[in-house]
Amino acid sequence: MTSKNLPAPAAVGPVLASVNCPMGVVRVTVDPAATIARAEVRTDDTTGPAADAVAKSRISQDGNRLTIVVPEVEGAGGGITQTIITGGGRTRVTQTIGTVYGSMTGVTIINGRVVTGGGNGVVSSGIEVLITLPAGSGVQMSSTNADLEVTGLLAALDLNTRNGSLRAGVIGRVKVRGHNGDSEIDSVQEWADIETHNGNTYIGSYGGGAARVITHNGNVDLAAAPAASGQIEARAHNGNIRLRGVSHRPELNVVTRTHNGHVSKH
């Protein structure tokens, strides 16, 4: 195993964690009992591209800002890369094409681990970023091919990803910009602004004052809690829209539209 940890933290209390992780999985835990932030970048590999990327990663804290930067895993982006993410009874497959150096014909990655490769492909484990934050903290993340998992009550999330999914418990404010990947959130308390090209969006309980959920290819499923107010906008080009808890609610301004799909409001 290869790992790198956050040095002695510079501040006590809530932080903004700024994460740049091109590939792998980022797991964030908000611990009400924590007073300081903790972070680790790790891989099961002791040598090879993933181990090199972990060794070159940077973890620092300046005041209330925690910064984590993981470099690209060399050799994992060339040729055609097929990424298979399994979990929660579902399987998601994405394919990306990078610059080819040598004779690589293809790579398959299951849950971040490269398991097959042609030509000069290199087998390496995936990278995990493990973060523990005090209550009241937020996350700002940029990624190419990494999933984000959040446990606990996160005050705010700003996620920009190309091929990555989001799975979270309770979030105060959430903004997501994604190309390929689902967003599944148990509860949003304040507002939501989620836009993806290929992916489903699920919000189990929404109690905020403004929601905007847009997808080009995918379904939208949102349940409005009694605390919800203001506008709820849900749009899909190819997909179904299902809104629950919005009927007979004059305090809600519900706007829906889909080109190829079904709209359900009750």
Protein backbone atom coordinates (compact mmCIF):
# COMPACT_ATOMS: atom_id res chain seq x y z
CA MET A 1 0.00 0.00 0.00
CA THR A 2 1.10 3.57 -0.73
CA SER A 3 -0.46 6.53 1.08
CA LYS A 4 -0.02 10.20 1.84
CA ASN A 5 -1.70 11.99 4.75
CA LEU A 6 -2.49 15.57 5.67
CA PRO A 7 0.27 17.07 7.84
CA ALA A 8 -0.67 18.77 11.10
CA PRO A 9 -3.85 20.78 10.35
CA ALA A 10 -3.64 24.56 10.45
CA ALA A 11 -7.08 25.34 11.84
CA VAL A 12 -9.84 23.94 14.01
CA GLY A 13 -13.46 23.89 12.87
CA PRO A 14 -15.30 23.72 9.53
CA VAL A 15 -13.25 23.78 6.34
CA LEU A 16 -13.73 23.98 2.59
CA ALA A 17 -12.15 20.91 1.04
CA SER A 18 -10.94 21.61 -2.51
CA VAL A 19 -10.34 18.30 -4.31
CA ASN A 20 -8.87 17.64 -7.75
CA CYS A 21 -8.84 13.90 -8.46
CA PRO A 22 -8.78 12.75 -12.10
CA MET A 23 -9.49 9.04 -11.46
CA GLY A 24 -10.63 6.80 -8.60
CA VAL A 25 -13.08 7.44 -5.79
CA VAL A 26 -13.34 10.23 -3.24
CA ARG A 27 -15.02 9.34 0.06
CA VAL A 28 -16.01 12.20 2.36
CA THR A 29 -17.29 11.67 5.90
CA VAL A 30 -18.69 14.56 7.92
CA ASP A 31 -18.15 13.69 11.58
CA PRO A 32 -20.00 15.86 14.14
CA ALA A 33 -17.44 14.83 16.76
CA ALA A 34 -14.44 15.91 14.65
CA THR A 35 -12.76 19.23 15.41
CA ILE A 36 -10.10 19.08 12.68
CA ALA A 37 -10.01 17.83 9.09
CA ARG A 38 -8.18 14.66 8.13
CA ALA A 39 -7.26 13.50 4.62
CA GLU A 40 -5.46 10.57 3.02
CA VAL A 41 -4.67 9.63 -0.58
CA ARG A 42 -3.99 5.91 -0.93
CA THR A 43 -3.70 2.92 -3.24
CA ASP A 44 -3.17 -0.80 -2.64
CA ASP A 45 -0.14 -0.66 -4.98
CA THR A 46 3.39 -0.31 -3.63
CA THR A 47 4.89 0.44 -7.06
CA GLY A 48 3.57 1.46 -10.47
CA PRO A 49 1.48 4.32 -11.90
CA ALA A 50 -1.08 4.52 -9.07
CA ALA A 51 1.63 4.46 -6.40
CA ASP A 52 3.53 7.17 -8.29
CA ALA A 53 0.41 9.34 -8.50
CA VAL A 54 -0.20 8.98 -4.75
CA ALA A 55 3.42 9.87 -4.01
CA LYS A 56 3.15 12.99 -6.20
CA SER A 57 -0.21 14.08 -4.75
CA ARG A 58 -0.39 17.22 -2.64
CA ILE A 59 -2.35 17.66 0.60
CA SER A 60 -2.23 20.94 2.47
CA GLN A 61 -4.33 23.19 4.67
CA ASP A 62 -4.18 26.96 4.73
CA GLY A 63 -6.47 28.31 7.40
CA ASN A 64 -9.92 26.87 6.77
CA ARG A 65 -9.13 25.67 3.23
CA LEU A 66 -8.04 22.08 2.71
CA THR A 67 -6.49 21.37 -0.70
CA ILE A 68 -6.00 17.92 -2.22
CA VAL A 69 -4.50 17.52 -5.70
CA VAL A 70 -3.97 14.08 -7.25
CA PRO A 71 -2.10 13.95 -10.59
CA GLU A 72 -3.10 11.81 -13.56
CA VAL A 73 -2.26 8.12 -13.34
CA GLU A 74 0.34 7.69 -16.08
CA GLY A 75 -0.44 4.92 -18.52
CA ALA A 76 -4.12 4.63 -17.55
CA GLY A 77 -5.46 7.15 -20.04
CA GLY A 78 -4.08 5.95 -23.37
CA GLY A 79 -6.12 4.03 -25.92
CA ILE A 80 -9.71 3.09 -25.21
CA THR A 81 -10.49 2.92 -21.51
CA GLN A 82 -13.64 1.17 -20.32
CA THR A 83 -14.60 1.99 -16.73
CA ILE A 84 -17.09 -0.23 -14.89
CA ILE A 85 -18.42 1.04 -11.55
CA THR A 86 -20.56 -1.34 -9.49
CA GLY A 87 -22.47 -0.61 -6.31
CA GLY A 88 -25.94 -0.42 -4.89
CA GLY A 89 -27.13 -3.16 -7.20
CA ARG A 90 -26.24 -1.13 -10.30
CA THR A 91 -23.46 -1.18 -12.86
CA ARG A 92 -22.30 1.87 -14.82
CA VAL A 93 -20.02 1.61 -17.83
CA THR A 94 -18.23 4.55 -19.48
CA GLN A 95 -15.64 4.62 -22.24
CA THR A 96 -13.04 7.28 -22.90
CA ILE A 97 -10.41 7.56 -25.63
CA GLY A 98 -7.06 9.13 -24.84
CA THR A 99 -3.76 9.64 -26.62
CA VAL A 100 -2.15 6.33 -27.60
CA TYR A 101 1.55 5.85 -26.83
CA GLY A 102 2.77 2.47 -28.06
CA SER A 103 0.45 -0.42 -28.86
CA MET A 104 -2.21 -0.33 -26.15
CA THR A 105 -5.54 -1.64 -27.49
CA GLY A 106 -7.78 -1.33 -24.47
CA VAL A 107 -8.10 -1.19 -20.71
CA THR A 108 -10.92 -2.29 -18.41
CA ILE A 109 -11.26 -0.74 -14.96
CA ILE A 110 -13.61 -2.18 -12.32
CA ASN A 111 -14.22 0.07 -9.30
CA GLY A 112 -11.03 1.96 -10.10
CA ARG A 113 -8.82 -1.11 -10.64
CA VAL A 114 -7.35 -1.82 -14.07
CA VAL A 115 -7.89 -5.54 -14.59
CA THR A 116 -7.20 -6.09 -18.29
CA GLY A 117 -5.17 -4.34 -20.93
CA GLY A 118 -3.78 -5.10 -24.37
CA GLY A 119 -0.35 -4.37 -25.77
CA ASN A 120 1.75 -2.41 -23.32
CA GLY A 121 -1.09 -1.73 -20.87
CA VAL A 122 -0.10 -1.40 -17.21
CA VAL A 123 -2.14 -3.09 -14.47
CA SER A 124 -2.62 -0.92 -11.39
CA SER A 125 -5.06 -0.45 -8.53
CA GLY A 126 -7.37 2.50 -8.22
CA ILE A 127 -6.81 5.55 -6.05
CA GLU A 128 -8.89 6.42 -2.99
CA VAL A 129 -9.13 9.84 -1.39
CA LEU A 130 -10.43 9.57 2.17
CA ILE A 131 -11.53 12.79 3.87
CA THR A 132 -13.04 13.42 7.30
CA LEU A 133 -14.49 16.87 7.93
CA PRO A 134 -15.95 18.65 10.97
CA ALA A 135 -19.63 19.66 10.92
CA GLY A 136 -20.41 22.74 8.82
CA SER A 137 -17.78 21.94 6.18
CA GLY A 138 -18.12 22.04 2.40
CA VAL A 139 -16.53 20.36 -0.62
CA GLN A 140 -15.45 21.74 -3.98
CA MET A 141 -14.39 18.97 -6.38
CA SER A 142 -13.14 18.76 -9.95
CA SER A 143 -12.72 15.40 -11.64
CA THR A 144 -12.46 13.57 -14.95
CA ASN A 145 -13.16 9.93 -13.98
CA ALA A 146 -13.75 9.79 -10.23
CA ASP A 147 -16.84 9.10 -8.15
CA LEU A 148 -17.78 11.03 -5.02
CA GLU A 149 -19.38 9.46 -1.95
CA VAL A 150 -20.50 11.64 0.96
CA THR A 151 -21.59 10.38 4.37
CA GLY A 152 -23.11 12.73 6.95
CA LEU A 153 -24.45 16.27 6.73
CA LEU A 154 -22.39 18.34 4.27
CA ALA A 155 -23.07 22.08 4.35
CA ALA A 156 -22.31 22.71 0.65
CA LEU A 157 -21.07 20.87 -2.44
CA ASP A 158 -19.78 22.20 -5.77
CA LEU A 159 -18.98 19.30 -8.12
CA ASN A 160 -17.66 19.51 -11.67
CA THR A 161 -17.07 16.11 -13.26
CA ARG A 162 -16.92 14.51 -16.68
CA ASN A 163 -17.36 10.80 -15.93
CA GLY A 164 -18.30 10.37 -12.31
CA SER A 165 -21.26 9.69 -10.07
CA LEU A 166 -22.39 11.33 -6.84
CA ARG A 167 -23.85 9.45 -3.88
CA ALA A 168 -24.61 11.56 -0.83
CA GLY A 169 -26.66 11.63 2.34
CA VAL A 170 -27.73 15.12 3.44
CA ILE A 171 -26.47 18.28 1.72
CA GLY A 172 -27.39 21.86 2.52
CA ARG A 173 -26.57 23.46 -0.85
CA VAL A 174 -25.54 21.49 -3.94
CA LYS A 175 -24.32 22.43 -7.39
CA VAL A 176 -23.36 19.72 -9.89
CA ARG A 177 -22.09 20.02 -13.46
CA GLY A 178 -21.53 16.61 -15.03
CA HIS A 179 -21.33 14.90 -18.40
CA ASN A 180 -21.71 11.16 -17.63
CA GLY A 181 -22.89 10.00 -14.23
CA ASP A 182 -25.82 9.76 -11.84
CA SER A 183 -26.50 12.04 -8.87
CA GLU A 184 -28.23 10.33 -5.94
CA ILE A 185 -28.86 12.44 -2.84
CA ASP A 186 -30.95 11.43 0.16
CA SER A 187 -31.83 14.98 1.18
CA VAL A 188 -31.20 18.60 0.11
CA GLN A 189 -32.01 21.26 2.70
CA GLU A 190 -31.49 24.68 1.06
CA TRP A 191 -31.13 24.68 -2.75
CA ALA A 192 -30.08 22.45 -5.64
CA ASP A 193 -28.64 23.29 -9.06
CA ILE A 194 -27.84 20.07 -10.95
CA GLU A 195 -27.16 19.79 -14.67
CA THR A 196 -25.87 16.69 -16.45
CA HIS A 197 -25.71 15.46 -20.02
CA ASN A 198 -26.05 11.71 -19.50
CA GLY A 199 -27.28 10.70 -16.08
CA ASN A 200 -30.19 10.30 -13.70
CA THR A 201 -30.84 12.63 -10.78
CA TYR A 202 -32.56 11.45 -7.60
CA ILE A 203 -33.30 13.61 -4.56
CA GLY A 204 -35.12 11.66 -1.86
CA SER A 205 -36.25 14.71 0.13
CA TYR A 206 -36.02 18.33 -0.98
CA GLY A 207 -36.79 21.07 1.54
CA GLY A 208 -35.14 24.10 -0.04
CA GLY A 209 -36.23 27.38 -1.62
CA ALA A 210 -34.98 26.88 -5.20
CA ALA A 211 -34.30 23.77 -7.25
CA ARG A 212 -33.07 23.47 -10.84
CA VAL A 213 -32.53 19.94 -12.15
CA ILE A 214 -31.71 19.47 -15.85
CA THR A 215 -30.56 16.43 -17.77
CA HIS A 216 -30.24 15.74 -21.48
CA ASN A 217 -30.43 11.93 -21.33
CA GLY A 218 -31.75 10.65 -18.04
CA ASN A 219 -34.54 10.70 -15.50
CA VAL A 220 -35.33 13.21 -12.77
CA ASP A 221 -36.89 12.00 -9.50
CA LEU A 222 -37.47 14.51 -6.70
CA ALA A 223 -39.67 14.46 -3.58
CA ALA A 224 -40.63 17.84 -2.12
CA ALA A 225 -40.69 17.93 1.68
CA PRO A 226 -43.17 20.13 3.61
CA ALA A 227 -40.40 22.73 4.09
CA ALA A 228 -39.92 23.20 0.33
CA SER A 229 -40.91 26.55 -1.22
CA GLY A 230 -40.21 28.67 -4.29
CA GLN A 231 -39.51 27.29 -7.75
CA ILE A 232 -38.80 23.71 -8.65
CA GLU A 233 -37.61 23.42 -12.25
CA ALA A 234 -37.12 19.96 -13.73
CA ARG A 235 -36.26 19.45 -17.40
CA ALA A 236 -35.13 16.51 -19.50
CA HIS A 237 -34.66 16.06 -23.22
CA ASN A 238 -34.80 12.26 -23.24
CA GLY A 239 -36.11 11.01 -19.92
CA ASN A 240 -38.94 10.86 -17.42
CA ILE A 241 -39.66 13.43 -14.73
CA ARG A 242 -41.24 12.34 -11.47
CA LEU A 243 -42.04 14.93 -8.83
CA ARG A 244 -43.62 13.88 -5.56
CA GLY A 245 -45.16 16.05 -2.86
CA VAL A 246 -45.87 18.98 -5.19
CA SER A 247 -49.64 18.71 -5.68
CA HIS A 248 -51.89 21.28 -3.97
CA ARG A 249 -48.86 23.32 -2.90
CA PRO A 250 -49.50 27.00 -3.82
CA GLU A 251 -46.16 27.96 -2.27
CA LEU A 252 -44.41 25.96 -5.00
CA ASN A 253 -43.86 27.15 -8.57
CA VAL A 254 -43.32 23.89 -10.46
CA VAL A 255 -41.88 24.07 -13.97
CA THR A 256 -41.39 20.83 -15.94
CA ARG A 257 -40.55 19.93 -19.53
CA THR A 258 -39.40 16.84 -21.38
CA HIS A 259 -39.03 16.19 -25.10
CA ASN A 260 -39.10 12.40 -25.07
CA GLY A 261 -40.48 11.13 -21.80
CA HIS A 262 -43.31 11.22 -19.25
CA VAL A 263 -43.99 13.85 -16.57
CA SER A 264 -45.56 12.74 -13.30
CA LYS A 265 -46.53 15.27 -10.59
CA HIS A 266 -48.36 14.29 -7.45
